[in-house]
Amino acid sequence: MREVHGFNMSVRTIESGDVAVLEFAGRLTLGAPAYLFSEALHELLASHRSVILDLKSVTAIDCAGVGALCGCIATARTAGKKLRYTTPSPRVQEMLGLTNVSGLLEACESVEQALIDCAA
């Protein structure tokens, strides 16, 4: 498990075999938060077959956060990795829908359901 705190956000990773869960808490916005999110996600994609994004504690996302997420989606697809997301707040889900990012990622109802999907 790895944790990073600061800039009114935190990133926590939980690894189990070939699957990792990335929990991001706070505002996924321009600057350090989007950069740290992208770095952590790219690191997990390089070393795991599947990555699950737990977005329940993301309070806001802007164009930089969406851009960081899109870059990671491209990396995952190119490498043939599974990338899922779970439990975004209504505000974050709305932004993912407006930018059509929700159409690029498979959503799961919970981290537990995503773990089952990734194991299949």
PDB file of N, CA and C in Angstrom:
ATOM      1  N   MET A   1       0.844  -1.165   0.000  1.00  0.00           N
ATOM      2  CA  MET A   1       0.000   0.000   0.000  1.00  0.00           C
ATOM      3  C   MET A   1       0.895   1.236   0.000  1.00  0.00           C
ATOM      4  N   ARG A   2       0.489   2.216  -0.788  1.00  0.00           N
ATOM      5  CA  ARG A   2       1.242   3.461  -0.885  1.00  0.00           C
ATOM      6  C   ARG A   2       0.281   4.619  -0.693  1.00  0.00           C
ATOM      7  N   GLU A   3       0.699   5.639   0.053  1.00  0.00           N
ATOM      8  CA  GLU A   3      -0.145   6.805   0.274  1.00  0.00           C
ATOM      9  C   GLU A   3       0.663   8.071   0.057  1.00  0.00           C
ATOM     10  N   VAL A   4       0.029   9.054  -0.575  1.00  0.00           N
ATOM     11  CA  VAL A   4       0.616  10.376  -0.771  1.00  0.00           C
ATOM     12  C   VAL A   4      -0.433  11.387  -0.338  1.00  0.00           C
ATOM     13  N   HIS A   5      -0.039  12.347   0.509  1.00  0.00           N
ATOM     14  CA  HIS A   5      -0.961  13.375   0.982  1.00  0.00           C
ATOM     15  C   HIS A   5      -0.367  14.743   0.708  1.00  0.00           C
ATOM     16  N   GLY A   6      -1.218  15.720   0.517  1.00  0.00           N
ATOM     17  CA  GLY A   6      -0.789  17.093   0.318  1.00  0.00           C
ATOM     18  C   GLY A   6      -1.644  17.757  -0.737  1.00  0.00           C
ATOM     19  N   PHE A   7      -1.542  19.063  -0.848  1.00  0.00           N
ATOM     20  CA  PHE A   7      -2.277  19.822  -1.857  1.00  0.00           C
ATOM     21  C   PHE A   7      -3.787  19.586  -1.741  1.00  0.00           C
ATOM     22  N   ASN A   8      -4.281  19.388  -0.511  1.00  0.00           N
ATOM     23  CA  ASN A   8      -5.700  19.121  -0.258  1.00  0.00           C
ATOM     24  C   ASN A   8      -6.209  17.892  -0.999  1.00  0.00           C
ATOM     25  N   MET A   9      -5.362  16.901  -1.163  1.00  0.00           N
ATOM     26  CA  MET A   9      -5.744  15.657  -1.817  1.00  0.00           C
ATOM     27  C   MET A   9      -4.891  14.532  -1.278  1.00  0.00           C
ATOM     28  N   SER A  10      -5.324  13.305  -1.551  1.00  0.00           N
ATOM     29  CA  SER A  10      -4.503  12.155  -1.199  1.00  0.00           C
ATOM     30  C   SER A  10      -4.689  11.063  -2.241  1.00  0.00           C
ATOM     31  N   VAL A  11      -3.637  10.289  -2.417  1.00  0.00           N
ATOM     32  CA  VAL A  11      -3.644   9.157  -3.337  1.00  0.00           C
ATOM     33  C   VAL A  11      -3.233   7.939  -2.526  1.00  0.00           C
ATOM     34  N   ARG A  12      -4.026   6.895  -2.604  1.00  0.00           N
ATOM     35  CA  ARG A  12      -3.728   5.661  -1.886  1.00  0.00           C
ATOM     36  C   ARG A  12      -3.860   4.505  -2.864  1.00  0.00           C
ATOM     37  N   THR A  13      -2.899   3.629  -2.872  1.00  0.00           N
ATOM     38  CA  THR A  13      -2.964   2.454  -3.738  1.00  0.00           C
ATOM     39  C   THR A  13      -2.976   1.193  -2.897  1.00  0.00           C
ATOM     40  N   ILE A  14      -3.777   0.246  -3.343  1.00  0.00           N
ATOM     41  CA  ILE A  14      -3.846  -1.061  -2.711  1.00  0.00           C
ATOM     42  C   ILE A  14      -3.601  -2.083  -3.811  1.00  0.00           C
ATOM     43  N   GLU A  15      -2.616  -2.937  -3.607  1.00  0.00           N
ATOM     44  CA  GLU A  15      -2.241  -3.899  -4.635  1.00  0.00           C
ATOM     45  C   GLU A  15      -2.530  -5.318  -4.173  1.00  0.00           C
ATOM     46  N   SER A  16      -3.092  -6.100  -5.082  1.00  0.00           N
ATOM     47  CA  SER A  16      -3.391  -7.493  -4.795  1.00  0.00           C
ATOM     48  C   SER A  16      -3.095  -8.300  -6.049  1.00  0.00           C
ATOM     49  N   GLY A  17      -1.924  -8.909  -6.070  1.00  0.00           N
ATOM     50  CA  GLY A  17      -1.528  -9.672  -7.244  1.00  0.00           C
ATOM     51  C   GLY A  17      -1.404  -8.782  -8.468  1.00  0.00           C
ATOM     52  N   ASP A  18      -2.132  -9.126  -9.509  1.00  0.00           N
ATOM     53  CA  ASP A  18      -2.065  -8.405 -10.778  1.00  0.00           C
ATOM     54  C   ASP A  18      -3.081  -7.270 -10.885  1.00  0.00           C
ATOM     55  N   VAL A  19      -3.792  -6.981  -9.783  1.00  0.00           N
ATOM     56  CA  VAL A  19      -4.818  -5.941  -9.772  1.00  0.00           C
ATOM     57  C   VAL A  19      -4.456  -4.902  -8.711  1.00  0.00           C
ATOM     58  N   ALA A  20      -4.665  -3.637  -9.059  1.00  0.00           N
ATOM     59  CA  ALA A  20      -4.420  -2.551  -8.112  1.00  0.00           C
ATOM     60  C   ALA A  20      -5.640  -1.646  -8.054  1.00  0.00           C
ATOM     61  N   VAL A  21      -5.876  -1.082  -6.879  1.00  0.00           N
ATOM     62  CA  VAL A  21      -6.948  -0.112  -6.683  1.00  0.00           C
ATOM     63  C   VAL A  21      -6.290   1.223  -6.363  1.00  0.00           C
ATOM     64  N   LEU A  22      -6.694   2.265  -7.093  1.00  0.00           N
ATOM     65  CA  LEU A  22      -6.201   3.612  -6.841  1.00  0.00           C
ATOM     66  C   LEU A  22      -7.345   4.422  -6.254  1.00  0.00           C
ATOM     67  N   GLU A  23      -7.178   4.851  -5.012  1.00  0.00           N
ATOM     68  CA  GLU A  23      -8.168   5.695  -4.349  1.00  0.00           C
ATOM     69  C   GLU A  23      -7.643   7.129  -4.354  1.00  0.00           C
ATOM     70  N   PHE A  24      -8.397   8.017  -4.972  1.00  0.00           N
ATOM     71  CA  PHE A  24      -8.023   9.424  -5.007  1.00  0.00           C
ATOM     72  C   PHE A  24      -9.052  10.185  -4.196  1.00  0.00           C
ATOM     73  N   ALA A  25      -8.597  11.064  -3.311  1.00  0.00           N
ATOM     74  CA  ALA A  25      -9.497  11.877  -2.496  1.00  0.00           C
ATOM     75  C   ALA A  25      -9.135  13.344  -2.659  1.00  0.00           C
ATOM     76  N   GLY A  26     -10.139  14.173  -2.875  1.00  0.00           N
ATOM     77  CA  GLY A  26      -9.922  15.603  -3.018  1.00  0.00           C
ATOM     78  C   GLY A  26     -10.293  16.085  -4.408  1.00  0.00           C
ATOM     79  N   ARG A  27      -9.731  17.216  -4.771  1.00  0.00           N
ATOM     80  CA  ARG A  27     -10.035  17.839  -6.058  1.00  0.00           C
ATOM     81  C   ARG A  27      -9.019  17.380  -7.100  1.00  0.00           C
ATOM     82  N   LEU A  28      -9.501  16.785  -8.170  1.00  0.00           N
ATOM     83  CA  LEU A  28      -8.640  16.330  -9.267  1.00  0.00           C
ATOM     84  C   LEU A  28      -8.585  17.475 -10.278  1.00  0.00           C
ATOM     85  N   THR A  29      -7.691  18.415  -9.996  1.00  0.00           N
ATOM     86  CA  THR A  29      -7.649  19.678 -10.741  1.00  0.00           C
ATOM     87  C   THR A  29      -6.232  20.029 -11.173  1.00  0.00           C
ATOM     88  N   LEU A  30      -6.139  21.116 -11.907  1.00  0.00           N
ATOM     89  CA  LEU A  30      -4.886  21.602 -12.472  1.00  0.00           C
ATOM     90  C   LEU A  30      -3.780  21.685 -11.422  1.00  0.00           C
ATOM     91  N   GLY A  31      -2.575  21.288 -11.822  1.00  0.00           N
ATOM     92  CA  GLY A  31      -1.421  21.380 -10.951  1.00  0.00           C
ATOM     93  C   GLY A  31      -1.048  20.041 -10.346  1.00  0.00           C
ATOM     94  N   ALA A  32      -0.593  20.093  -9.117  1.00  0.00           N
ATOM     95  CA  ALA A  32      -0.090  18.897  -8.444  1.00  0.00           C
ATOM     96  C   ALA A  32      -1.114  17.765  -8.349  1.00  0.00           C
ATOM     97  N   PRO A  33      -2.396  18.039  -8.055  1.00  0.00           N
ATOM     98  CA  PRO A  33      -3.323  16.910  -7.958  1.00  0.00           C
ATOM     99  C   PRO A  33      -3.428  16.089  -9.247  1.00  0.00           C
ATOM    100  N   ALA A  34      -3.601  16.743 -10.381  1.00  0.00           N
ATOM    101  CA  ALA A  34      -3.700  16.020 -11.660  1.00  0.00           C
ATOM    102  C   ALA A  34      -2.386  15.315 -11.977  1.00  0.00           C
ATOM    103  N   TYR A  35      -1.266  15.958 -11.684  1.00  0.00           N
ATOM    104  CA  TYR A  35       0.044  15.360 -11.942  1.00  0.00           C
ATOM    105  C   TYR A  35       0.254  14.107 -11.080  1.00  0.00           C
ATOM    106  N   LEU A  36      -0.026  14.203  -9.783  1.00  0.00           N
ATOM    107  CA  LEU A  36       0.174  13.069  -8.883  1.00  0.00           C
ATOM    108  C   LEU A  36      -0.765  11.913  -9.225  1.00  0.00           C
ATOM    109  N   PHE A  37      -2.004  12.231  -9.592  1.00  0.00           N
ATOM    110  CA  PHE A  37      -2.956  11.207 -10.032  1.00  0.00           C
ATOM    111  C   PHE A  37      -2.417  10.482 -11.257  1.00  0.00           C
ATOM    112  N   SER A  38      -1.977  11.231 -12.243  1.00  0.00           N
ATOM    113  CA  SER A  38      -1.464  10.654 -13.484  1.00  0.00           C
ATOM    114  C   SER A  38      -0.225   9.802 -13.232  1.00  0.00           C
ATOM    115  N   GLU A  39       0.694  10.297 -12.435  1.00  0.00           N
ATOM    116  CA  GLU A  39       1.903   9.542 -12.122  1.00  0.00           C
ATOM    117  C   GLU A  39       1.586   8.230 -11.420  1.00  0.00           C
ATOM    118  N   ALA A  40       0.710   8.287 -10.423  1.00  0.00           N
ATOM    119  CA  ALA A  40       0.357   7.074  -9.686  1.00  0.00           C
ATOM    120  C   ALA A  40      -0.344   6.072 -10.594  1.00  0.00           C
ATOM    121  N   LEU A  41      -1.241   6.561 -11.441  1.00  0.00           N
ATOM    122  CA  LEU A  41      -1.978   5.665 -12.329  1.00  0.00           C
ATOM    123  C   LEU A  41      -1.074   5.049 -13.386  1.00  0.00           C
ATOM    124  N   HIS A  42      -0.194   5.845 -13.976  1.00  0.00           N
ATOM    125  CA  HIS A  42       0.755   5.296 -14.960  1.00  0.00           C
ATOM    126  C   HIS A  42       1.671   4.243 -14.321  1.00  0.00           C
ATOM    127  N   GLU A  43       2.105   4.498 -13.106  1.00  0.00           N
ATOM    128  CA  GLU A  43       2.960   3.540 -12.392  1.00  0.00           C
ATOM    129  C   GLU A  43       2.229   2.211 -12.187  1.00  0.00           C
ATOM    130  N   LEU A  44       0.967   2.282 -11.794  1.00  0.00           N
ATOM    131  CA  LEU A  44       0.189   1.062 -11.589  1.00  0.00           C
ATOM    132  C   LEU A  44      -0.082   0.332 -12.901  1.00  0.00           C
ATOM    133  N   LEU A  45      -0.356   1.077 -13.960  1.00  0.00           N
ATOM    134  CA  LEU A  45      -0.598   0.454 -15.267  1.00  0.00           C
ATOM    135  C   LEU A  45       0.650  -0.256 -15.784  1.00  0.00           C
ATOM    136  N   ALA A  46       1.814   0.243 -15.430  1.00  0.00           N
ATOM    137  CA  ALA A  46       3.062  -0.379 -15.880  1.00  0.00           C
ATOM    138  C   ALA A  46       3.326  -1.707 -15.182  1.00  0.00           C
ATOM    139  N   SER A  47       2.756  -1.882 -13.985  1.00  0.00           N
ATOM    140  CA  SER A  47       3.097  -3.066 -13.208  1.00  0.00           C
ATOM    141  C   SER A  47       1.916  -3.995 -12.888  1.00  0.00           C
ATOM    142  N   HIS A  48       0.720  -3.670 -13.380  1.00  0.00           N
ATOM    143  CA  HIS A  48      -0.460  -4.491 -13.100  1.00  0.00           C
ATOM    144  C   HIS A  48      -1.271  -4.720 -14.368  1.00  0.00           C
ATOM    145  N   ARG A  49      -1.949  -5.852 -14.400  1.00  0.00           N
ATOM    146  CA  ARG A  49      -2.809  -6.195 -15.544  1.00  0.00           C
ATOM    147  C   ARG A  49      -4.092  -5.366 -15.529  1.00  0.00           C
ATOM    148  N   SER A  50      -4.585  -5.058 -14.330  1.00  0.00           N
ATOM    149  CA  SER A  50      -5.842  -4.323 -14.173  1.00  0.00           C
ATOM    150  C   SER A  50      -5.699  -3.269 -13.089  1.00  0.00           C
ATOM    151  N   VAL A  51      -6.342  -2.106 -13.319  1.00  0.00           N
ATOM    152  CA  VAL A  51      -6.357  -1.036 -12.326  1.00  0.00           C
ATOM    153  C   VAL A  51      -7.797  -0.555 -12.170  1.00  0.00           C
ATOM    154  N   ILE A  52      -8.195  -0.390 -10.929  1.00  0.00           N
ATOM    155  CA  ILE A  52      -9.526   0.091 -10.591  1.00  0.00           C
ATOM    156  C   ILE A  52      -9.392   1.469  -9.963  1.00  0.00           C
ATOM    157  N   LEU A  53     -10.125   2.438 -10.485  1.00  0.00           N
ATOM    158  CA  LEU A  53     -10.122   3.797  -9.944  1.00  0.00           C
ATOM    159  C   LEU A  53     -11.319   3.953  -9.022  1.00  0.00           C
ATOM    160  N   ASP A  54     -11.064   4.148  -7.749  1.00  0.00           N
ATOM    161  CA  ASP A  54     -12.134   4.392  -6.787  1.00  0.00           C
ATOM    162  C   ASP A  54     -12.281   5.912  -6.671  1.00  0.00           C
ATOM    163  N   LEU A  55     -13.355   6.441  -7.253  1.00  0.00           N
ATOM    164  CA  LEU A  55     -13.530   7.889  -7.352  1.00  0.00           C
ATOM    165  C   LEU A  55     -14.522   8.446  -6.327  1.00  0.00           C
ATOM    166  N   LYS A  56     -14.905   7.652  -5.324  1.00  0.00           N
ATOM    167  CA  LYS A  56     -15.942   8.108  -4.393  1.00  0.00           C
ATOM    168  C   LYS A  56     -15.557   9.359  -3.616  1.00  0.00           C
ATOM    169  N   SER A  57     -14.280   9.600  -3.415  1.00  0.00           N
ATOM    170  CA  SER A  57     -13.841  10.746  -2.614  1.00  0.00           C
ATOM    171  C   SER A  57     -13.311  11.898  -3.457  1.00  0.00           C
ATOM    172  N   VAL A  58     -13.501  11.829  -4.782  1.00  0.00           N
ATOM    173  CA  VAL A  58     -13.124  12.947  -5.652  1.00  0.00           C
ATOM    174  C   VAL A  58     -14.240  13.983  -5.549  1.00  0.00           C
ATOM    175  N   THR A  59     -13.905  15.177  -5.078  1.00  0.00           N
ATOM    176  CA  THR A  59     -14.917  16.209  -4.853  1.00  0.00           C
ATOM    177  C   THR A  59     -15.153  17.084  -6.075  1.00  0.00           C
ATOM    178  N   ALA A  60     -14.172  17.168  -6.966  1.00  0.00           N
ATOM    179  CA  ALA A  60     -14.308  17.966  -8.182  1.00  0.00           C
ATOM    180  C   ALA A  60     -13.265  17.509  -9.191  1.00  0.00           C
ATOM    181  N   ILE A  61     -13.574  17.719 -10.464  1.00  0.00           N
ATOM    182  CA  ILE A  61     -12.628  17.398 -11.531  1.00  0.00           C
ATOM    183  C   ILE A  61     -12.727  18.493 -12.586  1.00  0.00           C
ATOM    184  N   ASP A  62     -11.594  18.980 -13.062  1.00  0.00           N
ATOM    185  CA  ASP A  62     -11.592  19.999 -14.111  1.00  0.00           C
ATOM    186  C   ASP A  62     -10.944  19.428 -15.369  1.00  0.00           C
ATOM    187  N   CYS A  63     -10.684  20.302 -16.348  1.00  0.00           N
ATOM    188  CA  CYS A  63     -10.140  19.839 -17.627  1.00  0.00           C
ATOM    189  C   CYS A  63      -8.772  19.177 -17.461  1.00  0.00           C
ATOM    190  N   ALA A  64      -7.974  19.616 -16.498  1.00  0.00           N
ATOM    191  CA  ALA A  64      -6.667  18.983 -16.268  1.00  0.00           C
ATOM    192  C   ALA A  64      -6.844  17.570 -15.719  1.00  0.00           C
ATOM    193  N   GLY A  65      -7.799  17.388 -14.824  1.00  0.00           N
ATOM    194  CA  GLY A  65      -8.084  16.062 -14.302  1.00  0.00           C
ATOM    195  C   GLY A  65      -8.622  15.133 -15.372  1.00  0.00           C
ATOM    196  N   VAL A  66      -9.515  15.655 -16.215  1.00  0.00           N
ATOM    197  CA  VAL A  66     -10.049  14.867 -17.332  1.00  0.00           C
ATOM    198  C   VAL A  66      -8.918  14.513 -18.293  1.00  0.00           C
ATOM    199  N   GLY A  67      -8.029  15.458 -18.552  1.00  0.00           N
ATOM    200  CA  GLY A  67      -6.885  15.202 -19.444  1.00  0.00           C
ATOM    201  C   GLY A  67      -5.959  14.128 -18.890  1.00  0.00           C
ATOM    202  N   ALA A  68      -5.704  14.184 -17.588  1.00  0.00           N
ATOM    203  CA  ALA A  68      -4.859  13.162 -16.953  1.00  0.00           C
ATOM    204  C   ALA A  68      -5.511  11.794 -17.080  1.00  0.00           C
ATOM    205  N   LEU A  69      -6.805  11.743 -16.877  1.00  0.00           N
ATOM    206  CA  LEU A  69      -7.538  10.481 -16.988  1.00  0.00           C
ATOM    207  C   LEU A  69      -7.511   9.958 -18.425  1.00  0.00           C
ATOM    208  N   CYS A  70      -7.690  10.848 -19.404  1.00  0.00           N
ATOM    209  CA  CYS A  70      -7.660  10.439 -20.817  1.00  0.00           C
ATOM    210  C   CYS A  70      -6.288   9.904 -21.220  1.00  0.00           C
ATOM    211  N   GLY A  71      -5.238  10.520 -20.725  1.00  0.00           N
ATOM    212  CA  GLY A  71      -3.887  10.034 -21.012  1.00  0.00           C
ATOM    213  C   GLY A  71      -3.685   8.630 -20.474  1.00  0.00           C
ATOM    214  N   CYS A  72      -4.228   8.373 -19.306  1.00  0.00           N
ATOM    215  CA  CYS A  72      -4.108   7.036 -18.706  1.00  0.00           C
ATOM    216  C   CYS A  72      -4.971   6.016 -19.438  1.00  0.00           C
ATOM    217  N   ILE A  73      -6.125   6.442 -19.921  1.00  0.00           N
ATOM    218  CA  ILE A  73      -6.977   5.549 -20.715  1.00  0.00           C
ATOM    219  C   ILE A  73      -6.222   5.110 -21.966  1.00  0.00           C
ATOM    220  N   ALA A  74      -5.569   6.061 -22.629  1.00  0.00           N
ATOM    221  CA  ALA A  74      -4.790   5.741 -23.840  1.00  0.00           C
ATOM    222  C   ALA A  74      -3.655   4.778 -23.519  1.00  0.00           C
ATOM    223  N   THR A  75      -2.961   5.014 -22.412  1.00  0.00           N
ATOM    224  CA  THR A  75      -1.867   4.129 -21.999  1.00  0.00           C
ATOM    225  C   THR A  75      -2.390   2.717 -21.741  1.00  0.00           C
ATOM    226  N   ALA A  76      -3.504   2.612 -21.039  1.00  0.00           N
ATOM    227  CA  ALA A  76      -4.079   1.303 -20.725  1.00  0.00           C
ATOM    228  C   ALA A  76      -4.480   0.565 -21.995  1.00  0.00           C
ATOM    229  N   ARG A  77      -5.122   1.248 -22.902  1.00  0.00           N
ATOM    230  CA  ARG A  77      -5.556   0.604 -24.155  1.00  0.00           C
ATOM    231  C   ARG A  77      -4.378   0.138 -24.990  1.00  0.00           C
ATOM    232  N   THR A  78      -3.374   0.966 -25.099  1.00  0.00           N
ATOM    233  CA  THR A  78      -2.191   0.615 -25.885  1.00  0.00           C
ATOM    234  C   THR A  78      -1.500  -0.613 -25.313  1.00  0.00           C
ATOM    235  N   ALA A  79      -1.468  -0.709 -23.996  1.00  0.00           N
ATOM    236  CA  ALA A  79      -0.784  -1.822 -23.327  1.00  0.00           C
ATOM    237  C   ALA A  79      -1.691  -3.036 -23.121  1.00  0.00           C
ATOM    238  N   GLY A  80      -2.961  -2.938 -23.517  1.00  0.00           N
ATOM    239  CA  GLY A  80      -3.877  -4.055 -23.341  1.00  0.00           C
ATOM    240  C   GLY A  80      -4.267  -4.307 -21.889  1.00  0.00           C
ATOM    241  N   LYS A  81      -4.289  -3.257 -21.093  1.00  0.00           N
ATOM    242  CA  LYS A  81      -4.624  -3.367 -19.666  1.00  0.00           C
ATOM    243  C   LYS A  81      -6.105  -3.056 -19.442  1.00  0.00           C
ATOM    244  N   LYS A  82      -6.660  -3.579 -18.341  1.00  0.00           N
ATOM    245  CA  LYS A  82      -8.030  -3.265 -17.950  1.00  0.00           C
ATOM    246  C   LYS A  82      -8.009  -2.067 -17.010  1.00  0.00           C
ATOM    247  N   LEU A  83      -8.889  -1.110 -17.274  1.00  0.00           N
ATOM    248  CA  LEU A  83      -9.027   0.069 -16.432  1.00  0.00           C
ATOM    249  C   LEU A  83     -10.512   0.271 -16.178  1.00  0.00           C
ATOM    250  N   ARG A  84     -10.907   0.271 -14.915  1.00  0.00           N
ATOM    251  CA  ARG A  84     -12.311   0.423 -14.513  1.00  0.00           C
ATOM    252  C   ARG A  84     -12.405   1.581 -13.526  1.00  0.00           C
ATOM    253  N   TYR A  85     -13.617   2.148 -13.416  1.00  0.00           N
ATOM    254  CA  TYR A  85     -13.822   3.150 -12.377  1.00  0.00           C
ATOM    255  C   TYR A  85     -15.095   2.834 -11.603  1.00  0.00           C
ATOM    256  N   THR A  86     -15.129   3.294 -10.352  1.00  0.00           N
ATOM    257  CA  THR A  86     -16.270   3.034  -9.482  1.00  0.00           C
ATOM    258  C   THR A  86     -16.685   4.282  -8.734  1.00  0.00           C
ATOM    259  N   THR A  87     -17.916   4.319  -8.370  1.00  0.00           N
ATOM    260  CA  THR A  87     -18.543   5.220  -7.403  1.00  0.00           C
ATOM    261  C   THR A  87     -18.168   6.703  -7.475  1.00  0.00           C
ATOM    262  N   PRO A  88     -18.228   7.327  -8.651  1.00  0.00           N
ATOM    263  CA  PRO A  88     -17.974   8.769  -8.667  1.00  0.00           C
ATOM    264  C   PRO A  88     -19.159   9.522  -8.053  1.00  0.00           C
ATOM    265  N   SER A  89     -18.878  10.683  -7.503  1.00  0.00           N
ATOM    266  CA  SER A  89     -19.962  11.531  -6.990  1.00  0.00           C
ATOM    267  C   SER A  89     -20.804  11.993  -8.178  1.00  0.00           C
ATOM    268  N   PRO A  90     -22.029  12.440  -7.941  1.00  0.00           N
ATOM    269  CA  PRO A  90     -22.859  12.933  -9.052  1.00  0.00           C
ATOM    270  C   PRO A  90     -22.174  14.051  -9.842  1.00  0.00           C
ATOM    271  N   ARG A  91     -21.474  14.915  -9.154  1.00  0.00           N
ATOM    272  CA  ARG A  91     -20.772  16.036  -9.799  1.00  0.00           C
ATOM    273  C   ARG A  91     -19.672  15.527 -10.742  1.00  0.00           C
ATOM    274  N   VAL A  92     -18.888  14.561 -10.268  1.00  0.00           N
ATOM    275  CA  VAL A  92     -17.807  13.993 -11.084  1.00  0.00           C
ATOM    276  C   VAL A  92     -18.396  13.172 -12.228  1.00  0.00           C
ATOM    277  N   GLN A  93     -19.441  12.400 -11.963  1.00  0.00           N
ATOM    278  CA  GLN A  93     -20.086  11.619 -13.017  1.00  0.00           C
ATOM    279  C   GLN A  93     -20.622  12.534 -14.123  1.00  0.00           C
ATOM    280  N   GLU A  94     -21.174  13.673 -13.727  1.00  0.00           N
ATOM    281  CA  GLU A  94     -21.676  14.630 -14.713  1.00  0.00           C
ATOM    282  C   GLU A  94     -20.545  15.119 -15.619  1.00  0.00           C
ATOM    283  N   MET A  95     -19.402  15.457 -15.026  1.00  0.00           N
ATOM    284  CA  MET A  95     -18.251  15.932 -15.819  1.00  0.00           C
ATOM    285  C   MET A  95     -17.738  14.828 -16.739  1.00  0.00           C
ATOM    286  N   LEU A  96     -17.680  13.601 -16.247  1.00  0.00           N
ATOM    287  CA  LEU A  96     -17.237  12.483 -17.086  1.00  0.00           C
ATOM    288  C   LEU A  96     -18.209  12.258 -18.235  1.00  0.00           C
ATOM    289  N   GLY A  97     -19.492  12.475 -17.992  1.00  0.00           N
ATOM    290  CA  GLY A  97     -20.489  12.347 -19.053  1.00  0.00           C
ATOM    291  C   GLY A  97     -20.411  13.475 -20.059  1.00  0.00           C
ATOM    292  N   LEU A  98     -20.260  14.704 -19.582  1.00  0.00           N
ATOM    293  CA  LEU A  98     -20.175  15.870 -20.476  1.00  0.00           C
ATOM    294  C   LEU A  98     -18.971  15.789 -21.411  1.00  0.00           C
ATOM    295  N   THR A  99     -17.884  15.222 -20.922  1.00  0.00           N
ATOM    296  CA  THR A  99     -16.660  15.119 -21.722  1.00  0.00           C
ATOM    297  C   THR A  99     -16.563  13.786 -22.465  1.00  0.00           C
ATOM    298  N   ASN A 100     -17.575  12.933 -22.279  1.00  0.00           N
ATOM    299  CA  ASN A 100     -17.657  11.612 -22.893  1.00  0.00           C
ATOM    300  C   ASN A 100     -16.586  10.637 -22.400  1.00  0.00           C
ATOM    301  N   VAL A 101     -15.924  10.956 -21.322  1.00  0.00           N
ATOM    302  CA  VAL A 101     -14.932  10.047 -20.743  1.00  0.00           C
ATOM    303  C   VAL A 101     -15.626   8.810 -20.187  1.00  0.00           C
ATOM    304  N   SER A 102     -16.848   8.978 -19.682  1.00  0.00           N
ATOM    305  CA  SER A 102     -17.565   7.824 -19.137  1.00  0.00           C
ATOM    306  C   SER A 102     -17.827   6.776 -20.216  1.00  0.00           C
ATOM    307  N   GLY A 103     -17.863   7.185 -21.478  1.00  0.00           N
ATOM    308  CA  GLY A 103     -18.036   6.240 -22.571  1.00  0.00           C
ATOM    309  C   GLY A 103     -16.758   5.501 -22.938  1.00  0.00           C
ATOM    310  N   LEU A 104     -15.627   5.977 -22.428  1.00  0.00           N
ATOM    311  CA  LEU A 104     -14.333   5.356 -22.738  1.00  0.00           C
ATOM    312  C   LEU A 104     -13.896   4.344 -21.686  1.00  0.00           C
ATOM    313  N   LEU A 105     -14.531   4.391 -20.530  1.00  0.00           N
ATOM    314  CA  LEU A 105     -14.160   3.530 -19.404  1.00  0.00           C
ATOM    315  C   LEU A 105     -15.345   2.690 -18.979  1.00  0.00           C
ATOM    316  N   GLU A 106     -15.065   1.498 -18.502  1.00  0.00           N
ATOM    317  CA  GLU A 106     -16.123   0.660 -17.960  1.00  0.00           C
ATOM    318  C   GLU A 106     -16.352   1.031 -16.505  1.00  0.00           C
ATOM    319  N   ALA A 107     -17.615   1.308 -16.181  1.00  0.00           N
ATOM    320  CA  ALA A 107     -17.982   1.642 -14.812  1.00  0.00           C
ATOM    321  C   ALA A 107     -18.444   0.390 -14.071  1.00  0.00           C
ATOM    322  N   CYS A 108     -18.138   0.330 -12.793  1.00  0.00           N
ATOM    323  CA  CYS A 108     -18.597  -0.757 -11.933  1.00  0.00           C
ATOM    324  C   CYS A 108     -19.284  -0.133 -10.724  1.00  0.00           C
ATOM    325  N   GLU A 109     -20.242  -0.855 -10.154  1.00  0.00           N
ATOM    326  CA  GLU A 109     -21.006  -0.335  -9.026  1.00  0.00           C
ATOM    327  C   GLU A 109     -20.187  -0.202  -7.752  1.00  0.00           C
ATOM    328  N   SER A 110     -19.157  -1.021  -7.618  1.00  0.00           N
ATOM    329  CA  SER A 110     -18.342  -0.993  -6.398  1.00  0.00           C
ATOM    330  C   SER A 110     -16.945  -1.513  -6.717  1.00  0.00           C
ATOM    331  N   VAL A 111     -16.037  -1.289  -5.799  1.00  0.00           N
ATOM    332  CA  VAL A 111     -14.685  -1.831  -5.953  1.00  0.00           C
ATOM    333  C   VAL A 111     -14.746  -3.354  -5.967  1.00  0.00           C
ATOM    334  N   GLU A 112     -15.594  -3.919  -5.133  1.00  0.00           N
ATOM    335  CA  GLU A 112     -15.725  -5.372  -5.074  1.00  0.00           C
ATOM    336  C   GLU A 112     -16.168  -5.945  -6.423  1.00  0.00           C
ATOM    337  N   GLN A 113     -17.170  -5.289  -7.064  1.00  0.00           N
ATOM    338  CA  GLN A 113     -17.639  -5.737  -8.376  1.00  0.00           C
ATOM    339  C   GLN A 113     -16.532  -5.589  -9.420  1.00  0.00           C
ATOM    340  N   ALA A 114     -15.774  -4.513  -9.350  1.00  0.00           N
ATOM    341  CA  ALA A 114     -14.667  -4.298 -10.287  1.00  0.00           C
ATOM    342  C   ALA A 114     -13.606  -5.379 -10.111  1.00  0.00           C
ATOM    343  N   LEU A 115     -13.335  -5.760  -8.877  1.00  0.00           N
ATOM    344  CA  LEU A 115     -12.358  -6.839  -8.627  1.00  0.00           C
ATOM    345  C   LEU A 115     -12.824  -8.149  -9.258  1.00  0.00           C
ATOM    346  N   ILE A 116     -14.111  -8.434  -9.150  1.00  0.00           N
ATOM    347  CA  ILE A 116     -14.661  -9.639  -9.776  1.00  0.00           C
ATOM    348  C   ILE A 116     -14.532  -9.557 -11.289  1.00  0.00           C
ATOM    349  N   ASP A 117     -14.870  -8.409 -11.872  1.00  0.00           N
ATOM    350  CA  ASP A 117     -14.761  -8.211 -13.320  1.00  0.00           C
ATOM    351  C   ASP A 117     -13.323  -8.368 -13.807  1.00  0.00           C
ATOM    352  N   CYS A 118     -12.405  -7.829 -13.058  1.00  0.00           N
ATOM    353  CA  CYS A 118     -10.992  -7.886 -13.467  1.00  0.00           C
ATOM    354  C   CYS A 118     -10.425  -9.290 -13.339  1.00  0.00           C
ATOM    355  N   ALA A 119     -10.972 -10.080 -12.434  1.00  0.00           N
ATOM    356  CA  ALA A 119     -10.485 -11.448 -12.253  1.00  0.00           C
ATOM    357  C   ALA A 119     -10.947 -12.358 -13.384  1.00  0.00           C
ATOM    358  N   ALA A 120     -12.018 -11.969 -14.073  1.00  0.00           N
ATOM    359  CA  ALA A 120     -12.583 -12.805 -15.146  1.00  0.00           C
ATOM    360  C   ALA A 120     -11.735 -12.758 -16.396  1.00  0.00           C
TER     361      ALA A 120
END
